């Protein structure tokens, strides 16, 4: 189980395509992960209710950013996979 005490951030970015690529690579190597999505315009970017709907209660379809976390024990393996994969996903923070 990945918890706040044993997780390490393996990806932060704004690209839906890179986010999907990183998730697929981790899953294909049986590395468990968890993720969070956020929207800059939400009342509180980590409040799932605010991030999931707009001011009128409609569901939003697009996130502004993505975080992916792995267990600390899997971090080195995940880093190796993402750095030496096909190059479509990059480890670390993106502007």
N, C-alpha and C. Protein backbone atom coordinates (compact mmCIF):
# COMPACT_ATOMS: atom_id res chain seq x y z
N UNK A 1 0.84 -1.17 0.00
CA UNK A 1 0.00 0.00 0.00
C UNK A 1 0.89 1.25 0.00
N UNK A 2 0.54 2.18 -0.83
CA UNK A 2 1.29 3.44 -0.91
C UNK A 2 0.59 4.46 -0.01
N UNK A 3 1.34 5.00 0.94
CA UNK A 3 0.80 6.00 1.84
C UNK A 3 1.66 7.26 1.76
N UNK A 4 1.21 8.30 2.41
CA UNK A 4 1.96 9.55 2.40
C UNK A 4 3.34 9.38 3.05
N UNK A 5 3.48 8.39 3.93
CA UNK A 5 4.75 8.18 4.63
C UNK A 5 5.75 7.36 3.84
N UNK A 6 5.29 6.60 2.85
CA UNK A 6 6.22 5.74 2.12
C UNK A 6 6.25 6.02 0.62
N UNK A 7 5.69 7.13 0.19
CA UNK A 7 5.63 7.43 -1.24
C UNK A 7 6.75 8.37 -1.67
N UNK A 8 7.10 8.28 -2.96
CA UNK A 8 8.03 9.23 -3.57
C UNK A 8 7.42 9.68 -4.89
N UNK A 9 7.57 10.95 -5.17
CA UNK A 9 7.03 11.53 -6.40
C UNK A 9 7.93 11.13 -7.56
N UNK A 10 7.32 10.52 -8.57
CA UNK A 10 8.09 10.09 -9.73
C UNK A 10 7.77 10.93 -10.97
N UNK A 11 6.64 11.64 -10.94
CA UNK A 11 6.27 12.47 -12.09
C UNK A 11 5.39 13.62 -11.64
N UNK A 12 5.66 14.80 -12.18
CA UNK A 12 4.79 15.97 -12.06
C UNK A 12 4.80 16.63 -13.43
N UNK A 13 3.64 16.89 -13.98
CA UNK A 13 3.61 17.52 -15.28
C UNK A 13 2.23 18.03 -15.64
N UNK A 14 2.15 18.62 -16.83
CA UNK A 14 0.90 19.20 -17.31
C UNK A 14 0.38 18.51 -18.56
N UNK A 15 1.12 17.57 -19.09
CA UNK A 15 0.74 16.90 -20.33
C UNK A 15 -0.06 15.63 -20.05
N UNK A 16 -1.28 15.59 -20.58
CA UNK A 16 -2.12 14.40 -20.46
C UNK A 16 -1.43 13.20 -21.11
N UNK A 17 -0.77 13.43 -22.24
CA UNK A 17 -0.11 12.34 -22.96
C UNK A 17 1.05 11.76 -22.15
N UNK A 18 1.89 12.62 -21.56
CA UNK A 18 3.00 12.13 -20.73
C UNK A 18 2.48 11.42 -19.49
N UNK A 19 1.45 11.98 -18.88
CA UNK A 19 0.84 11.37 -17.70
C UNK A 19 0.38 9.94 -18.02
N UNK A 20 -0.30 9.79 -19.14
CA UNK A 20 -0.77 8.48 -19.57
C UNK A 20 0.39 7.55 -19.86
N UNK A 21 1.41 8.06 -20.53
CA UNK A 21 2.59 7.26 -20.86
C UNK A 21 3.30 6.75 -19.61
N UNK A 22 3.47 7.63 -18.63
CA UNK A 22 4.14 7.23 -17.38
C UNK A 22 3.32 6.15 -16.68
N UNK A 23 2.01 6.34 -16.58
CA UNK A 23 1.15 5.33 -15.94
C UNK A 23 1.25 3.99 -16.65
N UNK A 24 1.22 4.01 -17.99
CA UNK A 24 1.29 2.77 -18.76
C UNK A 24 2.63 2.06 -18.56
N UNK A 25 3.71 2.83 -18.55
CA UNK A 25 5.04 2.23 -18.35
C UNK A 25 5.15 1.60 -16.97
N UNK A 26 4.70 2.30 -15.95
CA UNK A 26 4.77 1.75 -14.60
C UNK A 26 3.91 0.49 -14.49
N UNK A 27 2.71 0.54 -15.03
CA UNK A 27 1.82 -0.62 -14.97
C UNK A 27 2.39 -1.81 -15.74
N UNK A 28 3.01 -1.56 -16.88
CA UNK A 28 3.56 -2.66 -17.68
C UNK A 28 4.73 -3.35 -17.00
N UNK A 29 5.35 -2.66 -16.02
CA UNK A 29 6.44 -3.25 -15.25
C UNK A 29 5.98 -3.64 -13.84
N UNK A 30 4.67 -3.71 -13.66
CA UNK A 30 4.06 -4.12 -12.39
C UNK A 30 4.48 -3.26 -11.21
N UNK A 31 4.67 -1.97 -11.46
CA UNK A 31 4.99 -1.04 -10.38
C UNK A 31 3.69 -0.35 -9.97
N UNK A 32 3.33 -0.54 -8.70
CA UNK A 32 2.12 0.10 -8.18
C UNK A 32 2.36 1.59 -8.03
N UNK A 33 1.33 2.38 -8.28
CA UNK A 33 1.44 3.83 -8.19
C UNK A 33 0.10 4.42 -7.79
N UNK A 34 0.14 5.66 -7.37
CA UNK A 34 -1.09 6.42 -7.18
C UNK A 34 -0.87 7.77 -7.83
N UNK A 35 -1.96 8.45 -8.13
CA UNK A 35 -1.82 9.74 -8.80
C UNK A 35 -2.84 10.73 -8.28
N UNK A 36 -2.54 11.98 -8.53
CA UNK A 36 -3.46 13.08 -8.22
C UNK A 36 -3.48 14.01 -9.42
N UNK A 37 -4.63 14.60 -9.64
CA UNK A 37 -4.79 15.60 -10.69
C UNK A 37 -5.26 16.89 -10.02
N UNK A 38 -4.88 18.02 -10.59
CA UNK A 38 -5.36 19.27 -10.02
C UNK A 38 -5.71 20.26 -11.12
N UNK A 39 -6.53 21.23 -10.72
CA UNK A 39 -6.90 22.32 -11.60
C UNK A 39 -6.57 23.62 -10.90
N UNK A 40 -5.93 24.51 -11.60
CA UNK A 40 -5.49 25.78 -11.01
C UNK A 40 -6.66 26.64 -10.56
N UNK A 41 -7.79 26.53 -11.20
CA UNK A 41 -8.92 27.39 -10.90
C UNK A 41 -9.84 26.86 -9.81
N UNK A 42 -9.52 25.70 -9.23
CA UNK A 42 -10.39 25.17 -8.19
C UNK A 42 -10.20 25.97 -6.91
N UNK A 43 -11.19 25.93 -6.04
CA UNK A 43 -11.12 26.67 -4.78
C UNK A 43 -9.91 26.23 -3.96
N UNK A 44 -9.65 24.96 -3.95
CA UNK A 44 -8.46 24.41 -3.28
C UNK A 44 -7.98 23.28 -4.17
N UNK A 45 -6.78 23.38 -4.69
CA UNK A 45 -6.36 22.46 -5.74
C UNK A 45 -6.31 21.01 -5.32
N UNK A 46 -6.31 20.71 -4.01
CA UNK A 46 -6.29 19.31 -3.59
C UNK A 46 -7.64 18.84 -3.08
N UNK A 47 -8.64 19.69 -3.15
CA UNK A 47 -9.99 19.31 -2.76
C UNK A 47 -10.65 18.62 -3.95
N UNK A 48 -10.87 17.33 -3.83
CA UNK A 48 -11.36 16.57 -4.98
C UNK A 48 -12.73 17.06 -5.45
N UNK A 49 -13.55 17.56 -4.55
CA UNK A 49 -14.86 18.05 -4.98
C UNK A 49 -14.71 19.30 -5.83
N UNK A 50 -13.84 20.21 -5.44
CA UNK A 50 -13.64 21.43 -6.21
C UNK A 50 -12.97 21.14 -7.54
N UNK A 51 -12.00 20.23 -7.52
CA UNK A 51 -11.27 19.92 -8.74
C UNK A 51 -12.13 19.16 -9.74
N UNK A 52 -13.15 18.47 -9.24
CA UNK A 52 -13.94 17.62 -10.12
C UNK A 52 -15.10 18.36 -10.78
N UNK A 53 -15.50 19.51 -10.26
CA UNK A 53 -16.64 20.20 -10.84
C UNK A 53 -16.39 21.71 -10.86
N UNK A 54 -17.08 22.39 -11.77
CA UNK A 54 -16.90 23.84 -11.87
C UNK A 54 -17.88 24.55 -10.93
N UNK A 55 -18.00 25.87 -11.07
CA UNK A 55 -18.85 26.65 -10.17
C UNK A 55 -20.32 26.26 -10.24
N UNK A 56 -20.72 25.67 -11.35
CA UNK A 56 -22.12 25.30 -11.51
C UNK A 56 -22.36 23.82 -11.24
N UNK A 57 -21.36 23.13 -10.71
CA UNK A 57 -21.51 21.73 -10.37
C UNK A 57 -21.32 20.77 -11.52
N UNK A 58 -20.95 21.29 -12.69
CA UNK A 58 -20.71 20.41 -13.84
C UNK A 58 -19.35 19.75 -13.71
N UNK A 59 -19.25 18.53 -14.23
CA UNK A 59 -17.98 17.81 -14.19
C UNK A 59 -17.00 18.47 -15.14
N UNK A 60 -15.76 18.62 -14.69
CA UNK A 60 -14.70 19.12 -15.56
C UNK A 60 -14.00 17.94 -16.18
N UNK A 61 -13.55 18.10 -17.40
CA UNK A 61 -12.90 17.02 -18.12
C UNK A 61 -11.40 17.17 -18.18
N UNK A 62 -10.88 18.34 -17.89
CA UNK A 62 -9.47 18.59 -18.11
C UNK A 62 -8.78 19.01 -16.82
N UNK A 63 -7.68 18.34 -16.52
CA UNK A 63 -6.86 18.72 -15.37
C UNK A 63 -5.72 19.60 -15.85
N UNK A 64 -5.22 20.46 -14.97
CA UNK A 64 -4.10 21.33 -15.30
C UNK A 64 -2.76 20.69 -14.97
N UNK A 65 -2.76 19.73 -14.10
CA UNK A 65 -1.50 19.10 -13.72
C UNK A 65 -1.71 17.74 -13.12
N UNK A 66 -0.64 16.98 -13.10
CA UNK A 66 -0.69 15.59 -12.66
C UNK A 66 0.51 15.27 -11.77
N UNK A 67 0.28 14.48 -10.74
CA UNK A 67 1.33 13.95 -9.88
C UNK A 67 1.21 12.44 -9.90
N UNK A 68 2.34 11.74 -9.98
CA UNK A 68 2.35 10.28 -9.85
C UNK A 68 3.36 9.93 -8.76
N UNK A 69 2.93 9.04 -7.85
CA UNK A 69 3.75 8.61 -6.74
C UNK A 69 3.92 7.09 -6.77
N UNK A 70 5.10 6.62 -6.37
CA UNK A 70 5.36 5.19 -6.22
C UNK A 70 5.85 4.96 -4.79
N UNK A 71 5.84 3.70 -4.39
CA UNK A 71 6.39 3.34 -3.08
C UNK A 71 7.89 3.60 -3.11
N UNK A 72 8.44 4.03 -1.98
CA UNK A 72 9.88 4.33 -1.90
C UNK A 72 10.74 3.16 -2.39
N UNK A 73 10.34 1.94 -2.07
CA UNK A 73 11.15 0.78 -2.47
C UNK A 73 11.14 0.58 -3.99
N UNK A 74 10.15 1.13 -4.69
CA UNK A 74 10.06 0.98 -6.15
C UNK A 74 10.60 2.19 -6.91
N UNK A 75 11.03 3.23 -6.19
CA UNK A 75 11.43 4.47 -6.84
C UNK A 75 12.59 4.28 -7.80
N UNK A 76 13.64 3.59 -7.39
CA UNK A 76 14.81 3.41 -8.26
C UNK A 76 14.45 2.65 -9.53
N UNK A 77 13.62 1.61 -9.39
CA UNK A 77 13.18 0.85 -10.56
C UNK A 77 12.33 1.73 -11.49
N UNK A 78 11.42 2.51 -10.91
CA UNK A 78 10.57 3.40 -11.70
C UNK A 78 11.42 4.45 -12.42
N UNK A 79 12.39 4.99 -11.72
CA UNK A 79 13.28 6.00 -12.31
C UNK A 79 14.02 5.41 -13.50
N UNK A 80 14.54 4.21 -13.35
CA UNK A 80 15.27 3.53 -14.44
C UNK A 80 14.35 3.32 -15.65
N UNK A 81 13.15 2.86 -15.41
CA UNK A 81 12.19 2.61 -16.49
C UNK A 81 11.84 3.90 -17.22
N UNK A 82 11.60 4.97 -16.48
CA UNK A 82 11.18 6.23 -17.10
C UNK A 82 12.33 6.95 -17.79
N UNK A 83 13.53 6.85 -17.25
CA UNK A 83 14.68 7.53 -17.86
C UNK A 83 15.21 6.79 -19.08
N UNK A 84 15.10 5.47 -19.10
CA UNK A 84 15.68 4.69 -20.19
C UNK A 84 14.62 4.02 -21.05
N UNK A 85 13.40 4.52 -20.96
CA UNK A 85 12.33 3.99 -21.79
C UNK A 85 12.43 4.57 -23.19
N UNK A 86 11.29 4.78 -23.82
CA UNK A 86 11.29 5.28 -25.20
C UNK A 86 11.45 6.80 -25.28
N UNK A 87 11.60 7.46 -24.13
CA UNK A 87 11.85 8.90 -24.13
C UNK A 87 10.61 9.77 -24.14
N UNK A 88 9.41 9.17 -24.18
CA UNK A 88 8.20 9.98 -24.25
C UNK A 88 7.78 10.52 -22.88
N UNK A 89 8.28 9.92 -21.83
CA UNK A 89 7.96 10.41 -20.48
C UNK A 89 9.26 10.74 -19.78
N UNK A 90 9.24 11.81 -19.05
CA UNK A 90 10.46 12.29 -18.39
C UNK A 90 10.23 12.30 -16.88
N UNK A 91 11.20 11.81 -16.16
CA UNK A 91 11.14 11.81 -14.71
C UNK A 91 11.31 13.23 -14.19
N UNK A 92 10.52 13.61 -13.20
CA UNK A 92 10.73 14.89 -12.54
C UNK A 92 9.68 15.91 -12.86
N UNK A 93 9.99 17.13 -12.52
CA UNK A 93 9.04 18.24 -12.67
C UNK A 93 9.10 18.85 -14.05
N UNK A 94 7.95 19.35 -14.49
CA UNK A 94 7.84 20.01 -15.79
C UNK A 94 7.30 21.40 -15.57
N UNK A 95 7.70 22.32 -16.39
CA UNK A 95 7.18 23.70 -16.29
C UNK A 95 5.96 23.87 -17.14
